[in-house]
Amino acid sequence: MFGSNRYITRGINQGISMDLTIFLWSRVDALKLESDGDMDYLQVFELKEIKDPEVKANQLVIHRTEEPEYRRTHAITVEKPITEKVYVIDSGDYSTMLFAREY
């Protein structure tokens, strides 16, 4: 699950910076290690722009799954923060990253 064949949709390619895309894939990889591969086929990332001038980071990333239940929050700095929901879906042979609105 969540092996080496990874794809992104045109929407992700055009709407998210490469740095943020790599960060999201790295969170999937970290969970794979942490859970010994016992993962939900659907990884959900809620991206929210942080507009608080007192906070150094500008992008909030909430990574969650339903089964087994998992939730982690990260605050990072990116060039262009966005507010979107992103899915990473594993089909067995490959994984695809897409905006929820593209599903």
PDB file of N, CA and C in Angstrom:
ATOM      1  N   MET A   1       0.841  -1.184   0.000  1.00  0.00           N
ATOM      2  CA  MET A   1       0.000   0.000   0.000  1.00  0.00           C
ATOM      3  C   MET A   1       0.885   1.246   0.000  1.00  0.00           C
ATOM      4  N   PHE A   2       0.517   2.229  -0.789  1.00  0.00           N
ATOM      5  CA  PHE A   2       1.252   3.487  -0.926  1.00  0.00           C
ATOM      6  C   PHE A   2       2.714   3.223  -1.294  1.00  0.00           C
ATOM      7  N   GLY A   3       2.892   2.451  -2.370  1.00  0.00           N
ATOM      8  CA  GLY A   3       4.222   2.107  -2.853  1.00  0.00           C
ATOM      9  C   GLY A   3       4.847   3.215  -3.686  1.00  0.00           C
ATOM     10  N   SER A   4       5.660   2.809  -4.645  1.00  0.00           N
ATOM     11  CA  SER A   4       6.464   3.781  -5.394  1.00  0.00           C
ATOM     12  C   SER A   4       5.763   4.385  -6.603  1.00  0.00           C
ATOM     13  N   ASN A   5       4.684   3.792  -7.101  1.00  0.00           N
ATOM     14  CA  ASN A   5       3.979   4.352  -8.252  1.00  0.00           C
ATOM     15  C   ASN A   5       3.008   5.417  -7.771  1.00  0.00           C
ATOM     16  N   ARG A   6       3.422   6.670  -7.947  1.00  0.00           N
ATOM     17  CA  ARG A   6       2.629   7.797  -7.432  1.00  0.00           C
ATOM     18  C   ARG A   6       2.295   8.770  -8.546  1.00  0.00           C
ATOM     19  N   TYR A   7       1.064   9.256  -8.506  1.00  0.00           N
ATOM     20  CA  TYR A   7       0.595  10.182  -9.527  1.00  0.00           C
ATOM     21  C   TYR A   7      -0.098  11.361  -8.869  1.00  0.00           C
ATOM     22  N   ILE A   8      -0.095  12.477  -9.568  1.00  0.00           N
ATOM     23  CA  ILE A   8      -0.855  13.648  -9.142  1.00  0.00           C
ATOM     24  C   ILE A   8      -1.735  14.079 -10.308  1.00  0.00           C
ATOM     25  N   THR A   9      -2.864  14.658 -10.004  1.00  0.00           N
ATOM     26  CA  THR A   9      -3.753  15.143 -11.050  1.00  0.00           C
ATOM     27  C   THR A   9      -3.238  16.480 -11.585  1.00  0.00           C
ATOM     28  N   ARG A  10      -3.794  16.878 -12.686  1.00  0.00           N
ATOM     29  CA  ARG A  10      -3.449  18.173 -13.265  1.00  0.00           C
ATOM     30  C   ARG A  10      -3.778  19.302 -12.284  1.00  0.00           C
ATOM     31  N   GLY A  11      -4.882  19.151 -11.565  1.00  0.00           N
ATOM     32  CA  GLY A  11      -5.274  20.161 -10.573  1.00  0.00           C
ATOM     33  C   GLY A  11      -4.219  20.333  -9.498  1.00  0.00           C
ATOM     34  N   ILE A  12      -3.709  19.219  -8.966  1.00  0.00           N
ATOM     35  CA  ILE A  12      -2.656  19.282  -7.954  1.00  0.00           C
ATOM     36  C   ILE A  12      -1.401  19.898  -8.553  1.00  0.00           C
ATOM     37  N   ASN A  13      -1.045  19.477  -9.749  1.00  0.00           N
ATOM     38  CA  ASN A  13       0.156  20.004 -10.412  1.00  0.00           C
ATOM     39  C   ASN A  13       0.095  21.516 -10.581  1.00  0.00           C
ATOM     40  N   GLN A  14      -1.081  22.021 -10.896  1.00  0.00           N
ATOM     41  CA  GLN A  14      -1.229  23.458 -11.134  1.00  0.00           C
ATOM     42  C   GLN A  14      -1.576  24.247  -9.874  1.00  0.00           C
ATOM     43  N   GLY A  15      -2.146  23.582  -8.856  1.00  0.00           N
ATOM     44  CA  GLY A  15      -2.681  24.314  -7.710  1.00  0.00           C
ATOM     45  C   GLY A  15      -1.874  24.268  -6.429  1.00  0.00           C
ATOM     46  N   ILE A  16      -0.876  23.376  -6.378  1.00  0.00           N
ATOM     47  CA  ILE A  16      -0.080  23.230  -5.168  1.00  0.00           C
ATOM     48  C   ILE A  16       1.403  23.278  -5.544  1.00  0.00           C
ATOM     49  N   SER A  17       2.174  23.959  -4.736  1.00  0.00           N
ATOM     50  CA  SER A  17       3.612  24.030  -5.003  1.00  0.00           C
ATOM     51  C   SER A  17       4.240  22.650  -4.856  1.00  0.00           C
ATOM     52  N   MET A  18       5.361  22.448  -5.529  1.00  0.00           N
ATOM     53  CA  MET A  18       6.075  21.177  -5.451  1.00  0.00           C
ATOM     54  C   MET A  18       6.500  20.880  -4.018  1.00  0.00           C
ATOM     55  N   ASP A  19       6.916  21.914  -3.284  1.00  0.00           N
ATOM     56  CA  ASP A  19       7.323  21.718  -1.890  1.00  0.00           C
ATOM     57  C   ASP A  19       6.176  21.164  -1.041  1.00  0.00           C
ATOM     58  N   LEU A  20       4.979  21.703  -1.231  1.00  0.00           N
ATOM     59  CA  LEU A  20       3.833  21.232  -0.460  1.00  0.00           C
ATOM     60  C   LEU A  20       3.444  19.816  -0.893  1.00  0.00           C
ATOM     61  N   THR A  21       3.503  19.546  -2.178  1.00  0.00           N
ATOM     62  CA  THR A  21       3.211  18.202  -2.679  1.00  0.00           C
ATOM     63  C   THR A  21       4.165  17.181  -2.061  1.00  0.00           C
ATOM     64  N   ILE A  22       5.443  17.497  -2.047  1.00  0.00           N
ATOM     65  CA  ILE A  22       6.442  16.603  -1.451  1.00  0.00           C
ATOM     66  C   ILE A  22       6.182  16.431   0.045  1.00  0.00           C
ATOM     67  N   PHE A  23       5.803  17.507   0.723  1.00  0.00           N
ATOM     68  CA  PHE A  23       5.493  17.412   2.149  1.00  0.00           C
ATOM     69  C   PHE A  23       4.328  16.451   2.388  1.00  0.00           C
ATOM     70  N   LEU A  24       3.275  16.539   1.582  1.00  0.00           N
ATOM     71  CA  LEU A  24       2.118  15.658   1.756  1.00  0.00           C
ATOM     72  C   LEU A  24       2.507  14.191   1.540  1.00  0.00           C
ATOM     73  N   TRP A  25       3.285  13.917   0.485  1.00  0.00           N
ATOM     74  CA  TRP A  25       3.760  12.547   0.260  1.00  0.00           C
ATOM     75  C   TRP A  25       4.616  12.079   1.438  1.00  0.00           C
ATOM     76  N   SER A  26       5.423  12.982   1.993  1.00  0.00           N
ATOM     77  CA  SER A  26       6.284  12.593   3.119  1.00  0.00           C
ATOM     78  C   SER A  26       5.460  12.228   4.345  1.00  0.00           C
ATOM     79  N   ARG A  27       4.307  12.886   4.522  1.00  0.00           N
ATOM     80  CA  ARG A  27       3.438  12.548   5.652  1.00  0.00           C
ATOM     81  C   ARG A  27       2.817  11.165   5.453  1.00  0.00           C
ATOM     82  N   VAL A  28       2.477  10.814   4.221  1.00  0.00           N
ATOM     83  CA  VAL A  28       1.966   9.469   3.933  1.00  0.00           C
ATOM     84  C   VAL A  28       3.053   8.440   4.251  1.00  0.00           C
ATOM     85  N   ASP A  29       4.290   8.717   3.820  1.00  0.00           N
ATOM     86  CA  ASP A  29       5.412   7.811   4.091  1.00  0.00           C
ATOM     87  C   ASP A  29       5.668   7.666   5.587  1.00  0.00           C
ATOM     88  N   ALA A  30       5.596   8.767   6.319  1.00  0.00           N
ATOM     89  CA  ALA A  30       5.820   8.729   7.766  1.00  0.00           C
ATOM     90  C   ALA A  30       4.752   7.880   8.449  1.00  0.00           C
ATOM     91  N   LEU A  31       3.501   8.026   8.029  1.00  0.00           N
ATOM     92  CA  LEU A  31       2.428   7.230   8.617  1.00  0.00           C
ATOM     93  C   LEU A  31       2.608   5.756   8.283  1.00  0.00           C
ATOM     94  N   LYS A  32       3.062   5.474   7.077  1.00  0.00           N
ATOM     95  CA  LYS A  32       3.300   4.078   6.673  1.00  0.00           C
ATOM     96  C   LYS A  32       4.323   3.430   7.603  1.00  0.00           C
ATOM     97  N   LEU A  33       5.387   4.145   7.910  1.00  0.00           N
ATOM     98  CA  LEU A  33       6.407   3.631   8.829  1.00  0.00           C
ATOM     99  C   LEU A  33       5.852   3.492  10.249  1.00  0.00           C
ATOM    100  N   GLU A  34       5.161   4.524  10.673  1.00  0.00           N
ATOM    101  CA  GLU A  34       4.617   4.581  12.029  1.00  0.00           C
ATOM    102  C   GLU A  34       3.594   3.474  12.286  1.00  0.00           C
ATOM    103  N   SER A  35       2.819   3.137  11.271  1.00  0.00           N
ATOM    104  CA  SER A  35       1.715   2.181  11.439  1.00  0.00           C
ATOM    105  C   SER A  35       2.070   0.774  10.961  1.00  0.00           C
ATOM    106  N   ASP A  36       3.317   0.567  10.571  1.00  0.00           N
ATOM    107  CA  ASP A  36       3.744  -0.727  10.009  1.00  0.00           C
ATOM    108  C   ASP A  36       2.875  -1.145   8.834  1.00  0.00           C
ATOM    109  N   GLY A  37       2.445  -0.171   8.030  1.00  0.00           N
ATOM    110  CA  GLY A  37       1.671  -0.448   6.823  1.00  0.00           C
ATOM    111  C   GLY A  37       0.186  -0.643   7.038  1.00  0.00           C
ATOM    112  N   ASP A  38      -0.294  -0.584   8.289  1.00  0.00           N
ATOM    113  CA  ASP A  38      -1.721  -0.724   8.572  1.00  0.00           C
ATOM    114  C   ASP A  38      -2.380   0.640   8.385  1.00  0.00           C
ATOM    115  N   MET A  39      -2.751   0.930   7.123  1.00  0.00           N
ATOM    116  CA  MET A  39      -3.243   2.264   6.779  1.00  0.00           C
ATOM    117  C   MET A  39      -4.551   2.185   6.023  1.00  0.00           C
ATOM    118  N   ASP A  40      -5.305   3.254   6.124  1.00  0.00           N
ATOM    119  CA  ASP A  40      -6.510   3.439   5.321  1.00  0.00           C
ATOM    120  C   ASP A  40      -6.076   3.728   3.886  1.00  0.00           C
ATOM    121  N   TYR A  41      -6.830   3.230   2.908  1.00  0.00           N
ATOM    122  CA  TYR A  41      -6.513   3.495   1.506  1.00  0.00           C
ATOM    123  C   TYR A  41      -6.731   4.967   1.149  1.00  0.00           C
ATOM    124  N   LEU A  42      -7.472   5.700   1.999  1.00  0.00           N
ATOM    125  CA  LEU A  42      -7.771   7.109   1.757  1.00  0.00           C
ATOM    126  C   LEU A  42      -7.122   7.969   2.833  1.00  0.00           C
ATOM    127  N   GLN A  43      -6.186   8.800   2.408  1.00  0.00           N
ATOM    128  CA  GLN A  43      -5.543   9.765   3.296  1.00  0.00           C
ATOM    129  C   GLN A  43      -6.139  11.132   2.979  1.00  0.00           C
ATOM    130  N   VAL A  44      -6.567  11.850   3.989  1.00  0.00           N
ATOM    131  CA  VAL A  44      -7.214  13.150   3.799  1.00  0.00           C
ATOM    132  C   VAL A  44      -6.326  14.234   4.396  1.00  0.00           C
ATOM    133  N   PHE A  45      -6.090  15.274   3.606  1.00  0.00           N
ATOM    134  CA  PHE A  45      -5.323  16.433   4.061  1.00  0.00           C
ATOM    135  C   PHE A  45      -6.207  17.667   3.928  1.00  0.00           C
ATOM    136  N   GLU A  46      -6.440  18.333   5.039  1.00  0.00           N
ATOM    137  CA  GLU A  46      -7.154  19.607   5.006  1.00  0.00           C
ATOM    138  C   GLU A  46      -6.096  20.699   5.076  1.00  0.00           C
ATOM    139  N   LEU A  47      -6.060  21.538   4.075  1.00  0.00           N
ATOM    140  CA  LEU A  47      -5.085  22.630   3.998  1.00  0.00           C
ATOM    141  C   LEU A  47      -5.804  23.940   4.276  1.00  0.00           C
ATOM    142  N   LYS A  48      -5.251  24.697   5.212  1.00  0.00           N
ATOM    143  CA  LYS A  48      -5.853  25.985   5.564  1.00  0.00           C
ATOM    144  C   LYS A  48      -4.760  27.030   5.677  1.00  0.00           C
ATOM    145  N   GLU A  49      -5.041  28.188   5.136  1.00  0.00           N
ATOM    146  CA  GLU A  49      -4.089  29.295   5.234  1.00  0.00           C
ATOM    147  C   GLU A  49      -4.119  29.872   6.646  1.00  0.00           C
ATOM    148  N   ILE A  50      -2.944  30.095   7.216  1.00  0.00           N
ATOM    149  CA  ILE A  50      -2.825  30.734   8.528  1.00  0.00           C
ATOM    150  C   ILE A  50      -2.586  32.220   8.276  1.00  0.00           C
ATOM    151  N   LYS A  51      -3.490  33.051   8.743  1.00  0.00           N
ATOM    152  CA  LYS A  51      -3.388  34.490   8.479  1.00  0.00           C
ATOM    153  C   LYS A  51      -2.950  35.296   9.690  1.00  0.00           C
ATOM    154  N   ASP A  52      -2.628  34.635  10.773  1.00  0.00           N
ATOM    155  CA  ASP A  52      -2.203  35.300  12.001  1.00  0.00           C
ATOM    156  C   ASP A  52      -0.777  35.823  11.830  1.00  0.00           C
ATOM    157  N   PRO A  53      -0.570  37.151  11.873  1.00  0.00           N
ATOM    158  CA  PRO A  53       0.769  37.710  11.667  1.00  0.00           C
ATOM    159  C   PRO A  53       1.762  37.343  12.772  1.00  0.00           C
ATOM    160  N   GLU A  54       1.263  36.881  13.905  1.00  0.00           N
ATOM    161  CA  GLU A  54       2.140  36.499  15.005  1.00  0.00           C
ATOM    162  C   GLU A  54       2.654  35.067  14.872  1.00  0.00           C
ATOM    163  N   VAL A  55       2.107  34.325  13.917  1.00  0.00           N
ATOM    164  CA  VAL A  55       2.530  32.944  13.683  1.00  0.00           C
ATOM    165  C   VAL A  55       3.460  32.930  12.472  1.00  0.00           C
ATOM    166  N   LYS A  56       4.626  32.333  12.637  1.00  0.00           N
ATOM    167  CA  LYS A  56       5.623  32.306  11.563  1.00  0.00           C
ATOM    168  C   LYS A  56       5.157  31.447  10.374  1.00  0.00           C
ATOM    169  N   ALA A  57       4.549  30.307  10.655  1.00  0.00           N
ATOM    170  CA  ALA A  57       4.072  29.421   9.590  1.00  0.00           C
ATOM    171  C   ALA A  57       2.833  30.025   8.936  1.00  0.00           C
ATOM    172  N   ASN A  58       2.611  29.698   7.650  1.00  0.00           N
ATOM    173  CA  ASN A  58       1.454  30.259   6.956  1.00  0.00           C
ATOM    174  C   ASN A  58       0.513  29.193   6.383  1.00  0.00           C
ATOM    175  N   GLN A  59       0.863  27.906   6.555  1.00  0.00           N
ATOM    176  CA  GLN A  59       0.029  26.829   6.027  1.00  0.00           C
ATOM    177  C   GLN A  59      -0.227  25.793   7.119  1.00  0.00           C
ATOM    178  N   LEU A  60      -1.503  25.556   7.406  1.00  0.00           N
ATOM    179  CA  LEU A  60      -1.896  24.520   8.349  1.00  0.00           C
ATOM    180  C   LEU A  60      -2.247  23.277   7.541  1.00  0.00           C
ATOM    181  N   VAL A  61      -1.704  22.129   7.936  1.00  0.00           N
ATOM    182  CA  VAL A  61      -1.969  20.856   7.267  1.00  0.00           C
ATOM    183  C   VAL A  61      -2.511  19.890   8.308  1.00  0.00           C
ATOM    184  N   ILE A  62      -3.759  19.466   8.120  1.00  0.00           N
ATOM    185  CA  ILE A  62      -4.369  18.481   9.013  1.00  0.00           C
ATOM    186  C   ILE A  62      -4.460  17.173   8.232  1.00  0.00           C
ATOM    187  N   HIS A  63      -3.739  16.172   8.692  1.00  0.00           N
ATOM    188  CA  HIS A  63      -3.693  14.856   8.045  1.00  0.00           C
ATOM    189  C   HIS A  63      -4.545  13.911   8.869  1.00  0.00           C
ATOM    190  N   ARG A  64      -5.520  13.274   8.209  1.00  0.00           N
ATOM    191  CA  ARG A  64      -6.382  12.374   8.965  1.00  0.00           C
ATOM    192  C   ARG A  64      -6.808  11.175   8.117  1.00  0.00           C
ATOM    193  N   THR A  65      -7.198  10.117   8.833  1.00  0.00           N
ATOM    194  CA  THR A  65      -7.784   8.928   8.220  1.00  0.00           C
ATOM    195  C   THR A  65      -8.915   8.448   9.117  1.00  0.00           C
ATOM    196  N   GLU A  66      -9.780   7.614   8.548  1.00  0.00           N
ATOM    197  CA  GLU A  66     -10.902   7.097   9.321  1.00  0.00           C
ATOM    198  C   GLU A  66     -10.599   5.753   9.962  1.00  0.00           C
ATOM    199  N   GLU A  67      -9.954   4.836   9.210  1.00  0.00           N
ATOM    200  CA  GLU A  67      -9.744   3.480   9.720  1.00  0.00           C
ATOM    201  C   GLU A  67      -8.332   3.011   9.434  1.00  0.00           C
ATOM    202  N   PRO A  68      -7.446   2.878  10.373  1.00  0.00           N
ATOM    203  CA  PRO A  68      -7.643   3.242  11.767  1.00  0.00           C
ATOM    204  C   PRO A  68      -7.672   4.754  11.929  1.00  0.00           C
ATOM    205  N   GLU A  69      -8.328   5.226  12.968  1.00  0.00           N
ATOM    206  CA  GLU A  69      -8.464   6.658  13.190  1.00  0.00           C
ATOM    207  C   GLU A  69      -7.097   7.281  13.440  1.00  0.00           C
ATOM    208  N   TYR A  70      -6.847   8.379  12.744  1.00  0.00           N
ATOM    209  CA  TYR A  70      -5.550   9.056  12.828  1.00  0.00           C
ATOM    210  C   TYR A  70      -5.772  10.533  12.560  1.00  0.00           C
ATOM    211  N   ARG A  71      -5.031  11.373  13.279  1.00  0.00           N
ATOM    212  CA  ARG A  71      -5.108  12.828  13.045  1.00  0.00           C
ATOM    213  C   ARG A  71      -3.828  13.473  13.536  1.00  0.00           C
ATOM    214  N   ARG A  72      -3.184  14.213  12.648  1.00  0.00           N
ATOM    215  CA  ARG A  72      -1.995  14.988  12.989  1.00  0.00           C
ATOM    216  C   ARG A  72      -2.121  16.354  12.339  1.00  0.00           C
ATOM    217  N   THR A  73      -1.634  17.351  13.054  1.00  0.00           N
ATOM    218  CA  THR A  73      -1.674  18.721  12.546  1.00  0.00           C
ATOM    219  C   THR A  73      -0.250  19.241  12.434  1.00  0.00           C
ATOM    220  N   HIS A  74       0.028  19.897  11.322  1.00  0.00           N
ATOM    221  CA  HIS A  74       1.348  20.468  11.064  1.00  0.00           C
ATOM    222  C   HIS A  74       1.168  21.923  10.636  1.00  0.00           C
ATOM    223  N   ALA A  75       2.048  22.786  11.090  1.00  0.00           N
ATOM    224  CA  ALA A  75       2.083  24.178  10.634  1.00  0.00           C
ATOM    225  C   ALA A  75       3.418  24.362   9.940  1.00  0.00           C
ATOM    226  N   ILE A  76       3.368  24.729   8.673  1.00  0.00           N
ATOM    227  CA  ILE A  76       4.586  24.870   7.883  1.00  0.00           C
ATOM    228  C   ILE A  76       4.560  26.198   7.140  1.00  0.00           C
ATOM    229  N   THR A  77       5.689  26.542   6.570  1.00  0.00           N
ATOM    230  CA  THR A  77       5.780  27.756   5.764  1.00  0.00           C
ATOM    231  C   THR A  77       5.930  27.364   4.304  1.00  0.00           C
ATOM    232  N   VAL A  78       5.063  27.911   3.474  1.00  0.00           N
ATOM    233  CA  VAL A  78       5.121  27.676   2.028  1.00  0.00           C
ATOM    234  C   VAL A  78       5.082  29.020   1.318  1.00  0.00           C
ATOM    235  N   GLU A  79       5.451  29.005   0.058  1.00  0.00           N
ATOM    236  CA  GLU A  79       5.462  30.248  -0.720  1.00  0.00           C
ATOM    237  C   GLU A  79       4.050  30.780  -0.945  1.00  0.00           C
ATOM    238  N   LYS A  80       3.105  29.880  -1.232  1.00  0.00           N
ATOM    239  CA  LYS A  80       1.748  30.290  -1.569  1.00  0.00           C
ATOM    240  C   LYS A  80       0.744  29.398  -0.814  1.00  0.00           C
ATOM    241  N   PRO A  81       0.312  29.809   0.385  1.00  0.00           N
ATOM    242  CA  PRO A  81      -0.628  28.983   1.153  1.00  0.00           C
ATOM    243  C   PRO A  81      -2.000  28.916   0.483  1.00  0.00           C
ATOM    244  N   ILE A  82      -2.684  27.785   0.682  1.00  0.00           N
ATOM    245  CA  ILE A  82      -4.007  27.599   0.081  1.00  0.00           C
ATOM    246  C   ILE A  82      -4.958  27.001   1.109  1.00  0.00           C
ATOM    247  N   THR A  83      -6.239  27.066   0.792  1.00  0.00           N
ATOM    248  CA  THR A  83      -7.271  26.419   1.590  1.00  0.00           C
ATOM    249  C   THR A  83      -7.997  25.452   0.661  1.00  0.00           C
ATOM    250  N   GLU A  84      -7.744  24.169   0.863  1.00  0.00           N
ATOM    251  CA  GLU A  84      -8.303  23.110   0.019  1.00  0.00           C
ATOM    252  C   GLU A  84      -8.321  21.808   0.802  1.00  0.00           C
ATOM    253  N   LYS A  85      -9.032  20.830   0.293  1.00  0.00           N
ATOM    254  CA  LYS A  85      -8.973  19.472   0.821  1.00  0.00           C
ATOM    255  C   LYS A  85      -8.342  18.599  -0.257  1.00  0.00           C
ATOM    256  N   VAL A  86      -7.351  17.797   0.157  1.00  0.00           N
ATOM    257  CA  VAL A  86      -6.622  16.934  -0.769  1.00  0.00           C
ATOM    258  C   VAL A  86      -6.786  15.488  -0.312  1.00  0.00           C
ATOM    259  N   TYR A  87      -7.031  14.600  -1.284  1.00  0.00           N
ATOM    260  CA  TYR A  87      -7.081  13.169  -1.020  1.00  0.00           C
ATOM    261  C   TYR A  87      -5.850  12.511  -1.625  1.00  0.00           C
ATOM    262  N   VAL A  88      -5.337  11.498  -0.929  1.00  0.00           N
ATOM    263  CA  VAL A  88      -4.351  10.595  -1.510  1.00  0.00           C
ATOM    264  C   VAL A  88      -4.988   9.218  -1.413  1.00  0.00           C
ATOM    265  N   ILE A  89      -5.247   8.616  -2.576  1.00  0.00           N
ATOM    266  CA  ILE A  89      -5.967   7.347  -2.646  1.00  0.00           C
ATOM    267  C   ILE A  89      -5.039   6.268  -3.176  1.00  0.00           C
ATOM    268  N   ASP A  90      -4.993   5.144  -2.470  1.00  0.00           N
ATOM    269  CA  ASP A  90      -4.186   4.015  -2.916  1.00  0.00           C
ATOM    270  C   ASP A  90      -5.088   2.971  -3.556  1.00  0.00           C
ATOM    271  N   SER A  91      -4.741   2.536  -4.759  1.00  0.00           N
ATOM    272  CA  SER A  91      -5.547   1.538  -5.459  1.00  0.00           C
ATOM    273  C   SER A  91      -4.920   0.148  -5.402  1.00  0.00           C
ATOM    274  N   GLY A  92      -3.782   0.033  -4.769  1.00  0.00           N
ATOM    275  CA  GLY A  92      -3.077  -1.241  -4.736  1.00  0.00           C
ATOM    276  C   GLY A  92      -1.866  -1.209  -5.645  1.00  0.00           C
ATOM    277  N   ASP A  93      -2.058  -0.823  -6.904  1.00  0.00           N
ATOM    278  CA  ASP A  93      -0.962  -0.746  -7.875  1.00  0.00           C
ATOM    279  C   ASP A  93      -0.307   0.625  -7.900  1.00  0.00           C
ATOM    280  N   TYR A  94      -1.065   1.654  -7.551  1.00  0.00           N
ATOM    281  CA  TYR A  94      -0.539   3.014  -7.573  1.00  0.00           C
ATOM    282  C   TYR A  94      -1.318   3.892  -6.610  1.00  0.00           C
ATOM    283  N   SER A  95      -0.767   5.061  -6.328  1.00  0.00           N
ATOM    284  CA  SER A  95      -1.420   6.048  -5.451  1.00  0.00           C
ATOM    285  C   SER A  95      -1.608   7.333  -6.240  1.00  0.00           C
ATOM    286  N   THR A  96      -2.714   8.016  -5.983  1.00  0.00           N
ATOM    287  CA  THR A  96      -3.024   9.256  -6.687  1.00  0.00           C
ATOM    288  C   THR A  96      -3.358  10.353  -5.688  1.00  0.00           C
ATOM    289  N   MET A  97      -2.775  11.520  -5.899  1.00  0.00           N
ATOM    290  CA  MET A  97      -3.085  12.702  -5.099  1.00  0.00           C
ATOM    291  C   MET A  97      -3.990  13.607  -5.937  1.00  0.00           C
ATOM    292  N   LEU A  98      -5.112  14.020  -5.345  1.00  0.00           N
ATOM    293  CA  LEU A  98      -6.052  14.863  -6.067  1.00  0.00           C
ATOM    294  C   LEU A  98      -6.794  15.762  -5.096  1.00  0.00           C
ATOM    295  N   PHE A  99      -7.319  16.866  -5.612  1.00  0.00           N
ATOM    296  CA  PHE A  99      -8.187  17.714  -4.815  1.00  0.00           C
ATOM    297  C   PHE A  99      -9.505  16.980  -4.590  1.00  0.00           C
ATOM    298  N   ALA A 100     -10.131  17.173  -3.439  1.00  0.00           N
ATOM    299  CA  ALA A 100     -11.416  16.549  -3.149  1.00  0.00           C
ATOM    300  C   ALA A 100     -12.441  16.923  -4.215  1.00  0.00           C
ATOM    301  N   ARG A 101     -12.359  18.133  -4.724  1.00  0.00           N
ATOM    302  CA  ARG A 101     -13.310  18.591  -5.744  1.00  0.00           C
ATOM    303  C   ARG A 101     -13.121  17.880  -7.089  1.00  0.00           C
ATOM    304  N   GLU A 102     -11.987  17.181  -7.268  1.00  0.00           N
ATOM    305  CA  GLU A 102     -11.725  16.438  -8.493  1.00  0.00           C
ATOM    306  C   GLU A 102     -12.217  15.002  -8.399  1.00  0.00           C
ATOM    307  N   TYR A 103     -12.654  14.574  -7.225  1.00  0.00           N
ATOM    308  CA  TYR A 103     -13.048  13.184  -7.010  1.00  0.00           C
ATOM    309  C   TYR A 103     -14.350  12.854  -7.688  1.00  0.00           C
TER     310      TYR A 103
END
